[in-house]
Protein backbone atom coordinates (compact mmCIF):
# COMPACT_ATOMS: atom_id res chain seq x y z
CA MET A 1 -4.33 -24.02 25.75
CA MET A 2 -6.18 -22.18 22.96
CA GLN A 3 -6.87 -18.56 23.79
CA HIS A 4 -10.32 -17.06 23.22
CA TYR A 5 -10.07 -13.81 21.30
CA GLU A 6 -12.92 -11.31 21.20
CA VAL A 7 -13.51 -7.79 19.90
CA ASP A 8 -13.80 -5.00 22.45
CA GLY A 9 -16.57 -2.59 21.42
CA THR A 10 -14.53 0.50 22.33
CA ILE A 11 -13.83 2.38 19.08
CA LEU A 12 -10.48 4.16 19.02
CA ARG A 13 -8.56 6.31 16.53
CA SER A 14 -4.87 6.85 15.89
CA ASN A 15 -3.70 10.32 16.91
CA ALA A 16 -0.66 10.13 14.64
CA GLU A 17 0.63 8.31 11.57
CA LEU A 18 1.84 4.96 12.90
CA THR A 19 4.29 2.32 11.78
CA LEU A 20 2.91 -1.08 12.76
CA ALA A 21 5.84 -3.04 11.32
CA ARG A 22 9.18 -2.12 9.78
CA SER A 23 12.32 -4.02 8.77
CA ASP A 24 14.52 -4.27 5.70
CA LYS A 25 11.85 -6.53 4.15
CA VAL A 26 8.52 -5.07 5.29
CA SER A 27 6.80 -1.76 6.02
CA LEU A 28 3.24 -1.39 7.33
CA GLU A 29 1.88 2.06 8.14
CA ILE A 30 -1.51 3.56 8.96
CA LYS A 31 -2.64 7.18 8.66
CA LYS A 32 -3.55 9.52 11.45
CA GLY A 33 -7.24 9.18 12.32
CA THR A 34 -7.48 5.49 11.41
CA LEU A 35 -10.32 3.83 13.35
CA THR A 36 -9.59 0.70 15.35
CA LEU A 37 -11.17 -1.73 17.80
CA PRO A 38 -9.16 -3.63 20.42
CA VAL A 39 -8.97 -7.42 20.39
CA LYS A 40 -8.66 -8.96 23.83
CA VAL A 41 -8.15 -12.22 25.65
CA ALA A 42 -10.07 -12.12 28.94
CA ASP A 43 -9.57 -8.46 29.91
CA LYS A 44 -6.14 -8.01 28.35
CA ARG A 45 -5.64 -6.35 24.97
CA GLU A 46 -3.68 -8.55 22.58
CA GLY A 47 -4.29 -6.81 19.28
CA TYR A 48 -6.37 -4.44 17.16
CA ILE A 49 -8.62 -4.45 14.11
CA PHE A 50 -7.93 -1.39 11.96
CA LEU A 51 -10.29 0.16 9.44
CA GLY A 52 -7.95 0.44 6.47
CA GLU A 53 -6.22 3.73 5.73
CA GLY A 54 -2.79 2.16 5.50
CA ARG A 55 -0.12 0.78 3.20
CA LEU A 56 1.76 -2.53 3.19
CA LEU A 57 5.10 -3.00 1.40
CA ILE A 58 7.00 -6.31 1.30
CA ASP A 59 10.25 -6.99 -0.51
CA ALA A 60 9.24 -10.49 -1.63
CA ILE A 61 12.23 -10.97 -3.90
CA VAL A 62 14.61 -13.91 -3.86
CA GLU A 63 18.11 -13.49 -5.25
CA THR A 64 19.18 -16.49 -7.33
CA GLU A 65 22.28 -17.30 -9.36
CA ARG A 66 20.31 -16.35 -12.48
CA GLY A 67 19.05 -13.08 -11.07
CA ALA A 68 16.23 -11.83 -8.89
CA VAL A 69 12.81 -13.54 -8.91
CA GLY A 70 9.54 -12.43 -7.40
CA LYS A 71 8.32 -8.87 -7.06
CA PRO A 72 7.60 -6.36 -4.31
CA VAL A 73 4.17 -6.44 -2.67
CA GLU A 74 2.58 -2.98 -2.68
CA ARG A 75 -0.86 -2.95 -1.12
CA GLU A 76 -3.14 -0.07 -0.20
CA LEU A 77 -5.17 -1.04 2.86
CA ARG A 78 -8.75 0.22 2.61
CA GLU A 79 -10.65 -2.57 4.42
CA LEU A 80 -10.51 -3.88 7.97
CA PHE A 81 -7.39 -5.85 8.88
CA LEU A 82 -6.23 -7.60 12.03
CA MET A 83 -3.08 -7.20 14.10
CA LEU A 84 -2.15 -9.45 17.05
CA GLY A 85 0.93 -9.13 19.23
CA ASN A 86 3.58 -6.44 19.70
CA ILE A 87 1.00 -3.75 20.43
CA GLU A 88 2.71 -1.77 23.21
CA GLU A 89 4.00 1.11 21.07
CA THR A 90 0.83 1.26 18.97
CA SER A 91 -1.35 1.47 22.08
CA LYS A 92 0.39 4.68 23.16
CA HIS A 93 -0.99 6.52 20.11
CA LEU A 94 -4.65 5.50 20.24
CA GLU A 95 -7.48 7.53 21.74
CA LYS A 96 -11.26 7.25 21.95
CA ALA A 97 -12.96 8.03 18.64
CA SER A 98 -15.72 10.64 18.35
CA ASP A 99 -19.01 10.49 16.48
CA ASP A 100 -17.44 12.78 13.86
CA ASP A 101 -14.69 10.20 13.27
CA LEU A 102 -17.32 7.57 12.50
CA ASN A 103 -19.40 9.90 10.34
CA ARG A 104 -16.41 10.79 8.18
CA ARG A 105 -16.05 7.11 7.32
CA ASP A 106 -19.79 6.54 6.76
CA PHE A 107 -19.86 3.95 9.54
CA ASN A 108 -21.98 3.59 12.61
CA GLU A 109 -20.76 1.86 15.74
CA LYS A 110 -22.88 -1.26 15.25
CA THR A 111 -21.78 -1.81 11.63
CA LEU A 112 -18.10 -1.39 12.45
CA LEU A 113 -18.33 -3.78 15.40
CA THR A 114 -20.15 -6.40 13.30
CA LYS A 115 -17.55 -6.21 10.53
CA ALA A 116 -14.74 -6.49 13.05
CA GLN A 117 -16.34 -9.54 14.70
CA ASP A 118 -16.79 -11.16 11.27
CA LEU A 119 -13.11 -10.62 10.47
CA LEU A 120 -11.97 -12.11 13.77
CA ALA A 121 -14.30 -15.09 13.32
CA LYS A 122 -12.89 -15.71 9.83
CA PHE A 123 -9.36 -15.55 11.20
CA MET A 124 -10.18 -18.02 13.96
CA GLY A 125 -12.01 -20.28 11.52
CA LYS A 126 -8.96 -20.36 9.26
CA GLY A 127 -7.12 -22.21 12.00
CA ALA A 128 -4.64 -19.37 12.32
CA THR A 129 -4.99 -18.98 16.09
CA HIS A 130 -2.35 -21.58 16.86
CA GLY A 131 0.13 -19.46 14.91
CA SER A 132 -1.00 -16.27 16.60
CA GLU A 133 -0.57 -17.83 20.04
CA HIS A 134 2.97 -18.92 19.23
CA PHE A 135 3.90 -15.48 17.92
CA ARG A 136 2.19 -13.74 20.87
CA GLN A 137 4.24 -15.72 23.35
CA SER A 138 7.47 -15.08 21.43
CA GLU A 139 6.79 -11.33 21.15
CA GLY A 140 6.17 -11.54 17.43
CA SER A 141 3.10 -10.33 15.57
CA ILE A 142 0.59 -11.58 13.04
CA PHE A 143 -1.57 -9.63 10.58
CA ALA A 144 -4.59 -10.83 8.58
CA PHE A 145 -5.84 -9.00 5.48
CA PRO A 146 -9.06 -9.88 3.62
CA ASN A 147 -8.47 -10.58 -0.08
CA LYS A 148 -10.61 -10.56 -3.21
CA GLU A 149 -11.32 -14.29 -2.83
CA SER A 150 -13.07 -13.62 0.51
CA ASN A 151 -10.22 -15.33 2.30
CA LEU A 152 -7.34 -13.97 4.39
CA ASP A 153 -3.76 -13.19 3.48
CA LEU A 154 -1.43 -13.60 6.48
CA LEU A 155 1.75 -11.83 7.52
CA LEU A 156 3.75 -13.23 10.46
CA LEU A 157 6.76 -11.40 11.89
CA ASN A 158 9.14 -12.54 14.60
CA GLY A 159 12.54 -10.88 14.81
CA PRO A 160 14.28 -11.46 11.46
CA LYS A 161 11.71 -14.05 10.39
CA LEU A 162 8.90 -13.12 7.99
CA ILE A 163 6.13 -15.30 6.55
CA TYR A 164 3.64 -13.91 4.04
CA THR A 165 0.95 -16.10 2.45
CA THR A 166 -1.75 -15.31 -0.10
CA GLU A 167 -4.03 -17.40 -2.33
CA ASP A 168 -1.34 -17.86 -4.99
CA MET A 169 2.04 -17.36 -3.34
CA SER A 170 3.97 -17.59 -0.11
CA PHE A 171 7.21 -15.93 0.89
CA ILE A 172 9.44 -16.87 3.81
CA CYS A 173 12.53 -14.95 4.85
CA ASP A 174 14.83 -15.53 7.82
CA GLY A 175 18.06 -13.57 7.66
CA ASP A 176 19.91 -14.59 4.49
CA LYS A 177 17.57 -17.52 3.88
CA SER A 178 14.46 -17.06 1.72
CA VAL A 179 11.83 -19.20 -0.01
CA LEU A 180 9.33 -18.05 -2.63
CA ASN A 181 6.43 -20.35 -3.54
CA THR A 182 4.57 -19.51 -6.74
CA PRO A 183 1.87 -21.55 -8.56
CA ARG A 184 4.51 -23.10 -10.83
CA GLN A 185 7.88 -22.90 -9.10
CA VAL A 186 9.63 -22.79 -5.77
CA PHE A 187 12.77 -20.71 -5.32
CA LEU A 188 15.15 -21.17 -2.39
CA SER A 189 18.16 -19.05 -1.51
CA ALA A 190 20.61 -19.37 1.38
CA GLN A 191 24.18 -18.24 2.00
CA GLY A 192 24.72 -17.19 -1.59
CA ARG A 193 23.41 -20.41 -3.13
CA SER A 194 20.02 -20.94 -4.76
CA LEU A 195 17.74 -23.67 -6.04
CA ALA A 196 14.59 -23.64 -8.19
CA PHE A 197 12.21 -26.46 -9.03
CA GLY A 198 8.74 -26.89 -10.46
CA ARG A 199 5.72 -27.43 -8.22
CA PRO A 200 2.74 -27.13 -10.64
CA HIS A 201 0.24 -28.80 -8.31
CA MET A 202 1.24 -27.10 -5.08
CA HIS A 203 -1.53 -25.53 -2.96
CA HIS A 204 -0.91 -22.06 -1.52
CA GLY A 205 -2.60 -19.62 0.81
CA CYS A 206 -1.97 -21.29 4.15
CA TYR A 207 0.90 -21.81 6.48
């Protein structure tokens, strides 16, 4: 059954610098004082929408027999982004935001709530909710980041498995297995062996 996600209008702030995700392939951190709104299903919190002030790093490199391909993703997060799943530790470090917190970011409560609702609606409209439900049930997490093409880049994490998709590339890693999709080529690596082939007409940006 498809879950109905909605934004809770309670504006919170982080009371410490937080790590939202970390492994040998990914790091996602937000600064102390980052504003956030809860995302809930019925009356239960299932995620948050953060107002930027963070940094995303992904080691999107595939080792092949001819050397390494791909490059690290380094992204400063300055706009709203969505997190669903695995929120227990994050929730411990959030507190109610003050008017001063909003004023420092040149936002009022109504504007922030509207932007958060727009982001969640775009995420749901992308058809990503089936993926979020699967990851929520399996104790994984999913993140959605607006991009310059007014679409969403997605990051899905579940144990050792990582999926990252943008408009022009996708990267999948699961232990020692990895796949990098670029506009012109696909690179696969597993157990010390690798394969590369051309895919000039392949469409990216979804999973």
